[in-house]
Amino acid sequence: MPDVFLYDIDDLEGIVENNLEMRRSEAAKIEVMIGEEMDEFQLWLKTLGVRPVIRALQDKSNAIHEETMESLFNKLPELDEHQRKVIRRLTKSIVNQMMHDPINVIKEMSGGKQGNEALDYFSKIFALQEQLESNSDGGDSAPVKQSSSTERTAGSGDFSVPKTVLAPAGLLGR
């Protein structure tokens, strides 16, 4: 009879063993993929606190830009609408270009071992406390203190760094 095969128990055990070995191999690959995804998720979770700080920096730079534009247009009332749009667009471009590198650096630093300290320094350097507080009133995100303790950093001399975590308020159940 053509296309008819006879298998005994030993043949079937070999097929089953091959299939199990292929499954084990694929399971090992999946475990590696799961580990990589978990690492990416942990990094993403760790960097959630950077979002309110970036938003505060953008809000502050937008406010400064608007105040400057208003002052400029008050001093130069003879500018027509087209000139005003050109000036506004060019100055906004300057502001955005100036903010680009600091935003990328804080995103990178916030994922590191001392990410919380980096966020705190960044907020202090750019004096963002007021914006962070006003953004937290909106309920979107809020600085959340993880601990009131301070940590001495190696080689830091006499100054200590407060340990804080900035995270969306809803993430921590607040």
C-alpha atoms as a PDB file:
ATOM      1  CA  MET A   1       0.000   0.000   0.000  1.00  0.00           C
ATOM      2  CA  PRO A   2       1.424   3.306  -0.991  1.00  0.00           C
ATOM      3  CA  ASP A   3       1.524   6.211   1.476  1.00  0.00           C
ATOM      4  CA  VAL A   4       0.929   3.907   4.428  1.00  0.00           C
ATOM      5  CA  PHE A   5       3.556   3.736   7.147  1.00  0.00           C
ATOM      6  CA  LEU A   6       3.944   1.417  10.058  1.00  0.00           C
ATOM      7  CA  TYR A   7       5.234   2.907  13.302  1.00  0.00           C
ATOM      8  CA  ASP A   8       5.984   1.041  16.473  1.00  0.00           C
ATOM      9  CA  ILE A   9       6.177   2.443  20.022  1.00  0.00           C
ATOM     10  CA  ASP A  10       9.917   3.081  19.756  1.00  0.00           C
ATOM     11  CA  ASP A  11       9.384   5.248  16.660  1.00  0.00           C
ATOM     12  CA  LEU A  12       6.679   7.262  18.396  1.00  0.00           C
ATOM     13  CA  GLU A  13       8.856   7.758  21.491  1.00  0.00           C
ATOM     14  CA  GLY A  14      11.598   9.184  19.261  1.00  0.00           C
ATOM     15  CA  ILE A  15       9.156  11.603  17.636  1.00  0.00           C
ATOM     16  CA  VAL A  16       7.834  12.672  21.036  1.00  0.00           C
ATOM     17  CA  GLU A  17      11.390  13.187  22.338  1.00  0.00           C
ATOM     18  CA  ASN A  18      12.279  15.327  19.282  1.00  0.00           C
ATOM     19  CA  ASN A  19       9.154  17.426  19.764  1.00  0.00           C
ATOM     20  CA  LEU A  20       9.899  17.903  23.462  1.00  0.00           C
ATOM     21  CA  GLU A  21      13.464  18.975  22.663  1.00  0.00           C
ATOM     22  CA  MET A  22      12.170  21.526  20.117  1.00  0.00           C
ATOM     23  CA  ARG A  23       9.712  22.839  22.720  1.00  0.00           C
ATOM     24  CA  ARG A  24      12.481  23.164  25.316  1.00  0.00           C
ATOM     25  CA  SER A  25      14.606  25.069  22.829  1.00  0.00           C
ATOM     26  CA  GLU A  26      11.751  27.438  21.944  1.00  0.00           C
ATOM     27  CA  ALA A  27      10.861  27.879  25.633  1.00  0.00           C
ATOM     28  CA  ALA A  28      14.456  28.960  26.356  1.00  0.00           C
ATOM     29  CA  LYS A  29      14.239  31.550  23.553  1.00  0.00           C
ATOM     30  CA  ILE A  30      10.938  32.834  24.930  1.00  0.00           C
ATOM     31  CA  GLU A  31      12.397  33.099  28.434  1.00  0.00           C
ATOM     32  CA  VAL A  32      15.189  35.305  27.048  1.00  0.00           C
ATOM     33  CA  MET A  33      12.635  37.460  25.227  1.00  0.00           C
ATOM     34  CA  ILE A  34      10.532  37.778  28.388  1.00  0.00           C
ATOM     35  CA  GLY A  35      13.626  38.794  30.362  1.00  0.00           C
ATOM     36  CA  GLU A  36      14.472  41.486  27.815  1.00  0.00           C
ATOM     37  CA  GLU A  37      10.915  42.833  27.852  1.00  0.00           C
ATOM     38  CA  MET A  38      10.898  42.857  31.661  1.00  0.00           C
ATOM     39  CA  ASP A  39      14.146  44.853  31.652  1.00  0.00           C
ATOM     40  CA  GLU A  40      12.635  47.359  29.209  1.00  0.00           C
ATOM     41  CA  PHE A  41       9.487  47.605  31.334  1.00  0.00           C
ATOM     42  CA  GLN A  42      11.529  48.202  34.490  1.00  0.00           C
ATOM     43  CA  LEU A  43      13.451  50.991  32.734  1.00  0.00           C
ATOM     44  CA  TRP A  44      10.192  52.522  31.500  1.00  0.00           C
ATOM     45  CA  LEU A  45       8.709  52.301  34.996  1.00  0.00           C
ATOM     46  CA  LYS A  46      11.818  53.879  36.479  1.00  0.00           C
ATOM     47  CA  THR A  47      11.666  56.793  34.030  1.00  0.00           C
ATOM     48  CA  LEU A  48       7.987  57.629  34.576  1.00  0.00           C
ATOM     49  CA  GLY A  49       9.008  60.341  37.015  1.00  0.00           C
ATOM     50  CA  VAL A  50      10.752  62.273  34.268  1.00  0.00           C
ATOM     51  CA  ARG A  51       7.483  63.133  32.510  1.00  0.00           C
ATOM     52  CA  PRO A  52       6.226  65.716  35.031  1.00  0.00           C
ATOM     53  CA  VAL A  53       9.691  67.308  35.182  1.00  0.00           C
ATOM     54  CA  ILE A  54       9.872  67.610  31.390  1.00  0.00           C
ATOM     55  CA  ARG A  55       6.325  68.986  31.288  1.00  0.00           C
ATOM     56  CA  ALA A  56       7.252  71.548  33.966  1.00  0.00           C
ATOM     57  CA  LEU A  57      10.326  72.610  31.975  1.00  0.00           C
ATOM     58  CA  GLN A  58       8.254  72.956  28.808  1.00  0.00           C
ATOM     59  CA  ASP A  59       5.567  74.930  30.647  1.00  0.00           C
ATOM     60  CA  LYS A  60       8.172  77.263  32.120  1.00  0.00           C
ATOM     61  CA  SER A  61       9.918  77.803  28.787  1.00  0.00           C
ATOM     62  CA  ASN A  62       6.553  78.454  27.086  1.00  0.00           C
ATOM     63  CA  ALA A  63       5.607  80.993  29.761  1.00  0.00           C
ATOM     64  CA  ILE A  64       8.950  82.790  29.423  1.00  0.00           C
ATOM     65  CA  HIS A  65       8.580  82.791  25.647  1.00  0.00           C
ATOM     66  CA  GLU A  66       5.044  84.210  25.799  1.00  0.00           C
ATOM     67  CA  GLU A  67       6.037  86.919  28.296  1.00  0.00           C
ATOM     68  CA  THR A  68       9.005  87.886  26.137  1.00  0.00           C
ATOM     69  CA  MET A  69       6.883  87.993  22.987  1.00  0.00           C
ATOM     70  CA  GLU A  70       4.287  90.168  24.704  1.00  0.00           C
ATOM     71  CA  SER A  71       6.976  92.544  25.918  1.00  0.00           C
ATOM     72  CA  LEU A  72       8.608  92.672  22.489  1.00  0.00           C
ATOM     73  CA  PHE A  73       5.335  93.339  20.687  1.00  0.00           C
ATOM     74  CA  ASN A  74       4.474  96.090  23.191  1.00  0.00           C
ATOM     75  CA  LYS A  75       7.819  97.746  22.451  1.00  0.00           C
ATOM     76  CA  LEU A  76       7.394  97.315  18.688  1.00  0.00           C
ATOM     77  CA  PRO A  77       3.726  98.009  17.960  1.00  0.00           C
ATOM     78  CA  GLU A  78       4.484  98.800  14.308  1.00  0.00           C
ATOM     79  CA  LEU A  79       5.070  95.113  13.502  1.00  0.00           C
ATOM     80  CA  ASP A  80       2.385  93.642  11.280  1.00  0.00           C
ATOM     81  CA  GLU A  81       0.807  90.236  11.892  1.00  0.00           C
ATOM     82  CA  HIS A  82       3.111  88.424   9.465  1.00  0.00           C
ATOM     83  CA  GLN A  83       6.228  89.859  11.131  1.00  0.00           C
ATOM     84  CA  ARG A  84       4.895  88.882  14.533  1.00  0.00           C
ATOM     85  CA  LYS A  85       4.265  85.307  13.356  1.00  0.00           C
ATOM     86  CA  VAL A  86       7.776  85.043  11.897  1.00  0.00           C
ATOM     87  CA  ILE A  87       9.374  86.363  15.090  1.00  0.00           C
ATOM     88  CA  ARG A  88       7.228  84.104  17.266  1.00  0.00           C
ATOM     89  CA  ARG A  89       8.036  81.029  15.152  1.00  0.00           C
ATOM     90  CA  LEU A  90      11.787  81.713  15.071  1.00  0.00           C
ATOM     91  CA  THR A  91      12.064  82.449  18.787  1.00  0.00           C
ATOM     92  CA  LYS A  92       9.974  79.366  19.590  1.00  0.00           C
ATOM     93  CA  SER A  93      12.372  77.328  17.458  1.00  0.00           C
ATOM     94  CA  ILE A  94      15.312  78.704  19.468  1.00  0.00           C
ATOM     95  CA  VAL A  95      13.596  77.779  22.737  1.00  0.00           C
ATOM     96  CA  ASN A  96      12.823  74.254  21.494  1.00  0.00           C
ATOM     97  CA  GLN A  97      16.381  73.715  20.297  1.00  0.00           C
ATOM     98  CA  MET A  98      17.756  74.899  23.630  1.00  0.00           C
ATOM     99  CA  MET A  99      15.474  72.488  25.506  1.00  0.00           C
ATOM    100  CA  HIS A 100      16.207  69.465  23.303  1.00  0.00           C
ATOM    101  CA  ASP A 101      19.546  68.372  24.807  1.00  0.00           C
ATOM    102  CA  PRO A 102      18.650  68.908  28.488  1.00  0.00           C
ATOM    103  CA  ILE A 103      15.434  66.913  27.994  1.00  0.00           C
ATOM    104  CA  ASN A 104      17.278  64.029  26.337  1.00  0.00           C
ATOM    105  CA  VAL A 105      19.950  64.029  29.033  1.00  0.00           C
ATOM    106  CA  ILE A 106      17.439  63.945  31.909  1.00  0.00           C
ATOM    107  CA  LYS A 107      15.535  61.131  30.203  1.00  0.00           C
ATOM    108  CA  GLU A 108      18.746  59.135  30.037  1.00  0.00           C
ATOM    109  CA  MET A 109      19.868  60.023  33.567  1.00  0.00           C
ATOM    110  CA  SER A 110      16.490  59.252  35.133  1.00  0.00           C
ATOM    111  CA  GLY A 111      16.884  55.614  34.089  1.00  0.00           C
ATOM    112  CA  GLY A 112      20.205  55.273  35.900  1.00  0.00           C
ATOM    113  CA  LYS A 113      20.990  54.190  39.440  1.00  0.00           C
ATOM    114  CA  GLN A 114      20.712  57.738  40.767  1.00  0.00           C
ATOM    115  CA  GLY A 115      17.772  58.748  38.589  1.00  0.00           C
ATOM    116  CA  ASN A 116      15.771  60.258  41.435  1.00  0.00           C
ATOM    117  CA  GLU A 117      18.688  62.450  42.458  1.00  0.00           C
ATOM    118  CA  ALA A 118      19.181  63.513  38.834  1.00  0.00           C
ATOM    119  CA  LEU A 119      15.514  64.538  38.620  1.00  0.00           C
ATOM    120  CA  ASP A 120      15.836  66.505  41.841  1.00  0.00           C
ATOM    121  CA  TYR A 121      18.963  68.322  40.625  1.00  0.00           C
ATOM    122  CA  PHE A 122      17.392  68.999  37.243  1.00  0.00           C
ATOM    123  CA  SER A 123      14.327  70.474  38.936  1.00  0.00           C
ATOM    124  CA  LYS A 124      16.524  72.681  41.096  1.00  0.00           C
ATOM    125  CA  ILE A 125      18.820  73.792  38.270  1.00  0.00           C
ATOM    126  CA  PHE A 126      15.857  74.925  36.181  1.00  0.00           C
ATOM    127  CA  ALA A 127      13.874  76.127  39.249  1.00  0.00           C
ATOM    128  CA  LEU A 128      10.862  73.962  38.377  1.00  0.00           C
ATOM    129  CA  GLN A 129       9.346  73.570  41.857  1.00  0.00           C
ATOM    130  CA  GLU A 130       6.575  76.085  41.158  1.00  0.00           C
ATOM    131  CA  GLN A 131       5.645  74.418  37.857  1.00  0.00           C
ATOM    132  CA  LEU A 132       5.735  70.955  39.412  1.00  0.00           C
ATOM    133  CA  GLU A 133       3.428  72.110  42.200  1.00  0.00           C
ATOM    134  CA  SER A 134       1.017  73.788  39.795  1.00  0.00           C
ATOM    135  CA  ASN A 135       1.017  70.692  37.544  1.00  0.00           C
ATOM    136  CA  SER A 136       0.247  68.488  40.528  1.00  0.00           C
ATOM    137  CA  ASP A 137      -2.859  70.587  41.248  1.00  0.00           C
ATOM    138  CA  GLY A 138      -4.206  69.455  37.864  1.00  0.00           C
ATOM    139  CA  GLY A 139      -4.087  65.828  38.990  1.00  0.00           C
ATOM    140  CA  ASP A 140      -2.075  64.676  35.960  1.00  0.00           C
ATOM    141  CA  SER A 141       1.185  64.108  37.775  1.00  0.00           C
ATOM    142  CA  ALA A 142       2.661  64.964  41.090  1.00  0.00           C
ATOM    143  CA  PRO A 143       5.983  64.823  42.817  1.00  0.00           C
ATOM    144  CA  VAL A 144       5.714  62.085  45.395  1.00  0.00           C
ATOM    145  CA  LYS A 145       8.159  61.795  48.268  1.00  0.00           C
ATOM    146  CA  GLN A 146       9.422  58.258  48.650  1.00  0.00           C
ATOM    147  CA  SER A 147      11.334  58.904  51.827  1.00  0.00           C
ATOM    148  CA  SER A 148      12.178  61.882  53.961  1.00  0.00           C
ATOM    149  CA  SER A 149      15.664  60.573  54.604  1.00  0.00           C
ATOM    150  CA  THR A 150      18.744  61.903  52.904  1.00  0.00           C
ATOM    151  CA  GLU A 151      21.616  60.041  51.376  1.00  0.00           C
ATOM    152  CA  ARG A 152      25.272  60.985  51.433  1.00  0.00           C
ATOM    153  CA  THR A 153      26.918  60.501  48.097  1.00  0.00           C
ATOM    154  CA  ALA A 154      30.519  59.404  47.743  1.00  0.00           C
ATOM    155  CA  GLY A 155      32.820  62.371  47.542  1.00  0.00           C
ATOM    156  CA  SER A 156      30.003  64.806  48.182  1.00  0.00           C
ATOM    157  CA  GLY A 157      31.623  66.488  51.146  1.00  0.00           C
ATOM    158  CA  ASP A 158      29.127  68.204  53.408  1.00  0.00           C
ATOM    159  CA  PHE A 159      26.056  68.088  51.317  1.00  0.00           C
ATOM    160  CA  SER A 160      23.342  65.482  51.187  1.00  0.00           C
ATOM    161  CA  VAL A 161      20.756  64.655  48.571  1.00  0.00           C
ATOM    162  CA  PRO A 162      17.092  64.179  49.458  1.00  0.00           C
ATOM    163  CA  LYS A 163      15.689  60.890  48.197  1.00  0.00           C
ATOM    164  CA  THR A 164      12.576  61.687  46.179  1.00  0.00           C
ATOM    165  CA  VAL A 165      10.611  60.017  43.453  1.00  0.00           C
ATOM    166  CA  LEU A 166       8.607  61.934  40.880  1.00  0.00           C
ATOM    167  CA  ALA A 167       5.789  59.804  39.537  1.00  0.00           C
ATOM    168  CA  PRO A 168       2.307  60.286  38.141  1.00  0.00           C
ATOM    169  CA  ALA A 169      -0.022  60.579  41.110  1.00  0.00           C
ATOM    170  CA  GLY A 170      -2.362  57.853  39.847  1.00  0.00           C
ATOM    171  CA  LEU A 171       0.514  55.361  39.585  1.00  0.00           C
ATOM    172  CA  LEU A 172       1.089  55.310  43.323  1.00  0.00           C
ATOM    173  CA  GLY A 173      -2.592  55.291  44.247  1.00  0.00           C
ATOM    174  CA  ARG A 174      -2.741  58.902  45.378  1.00  0.00           C
END
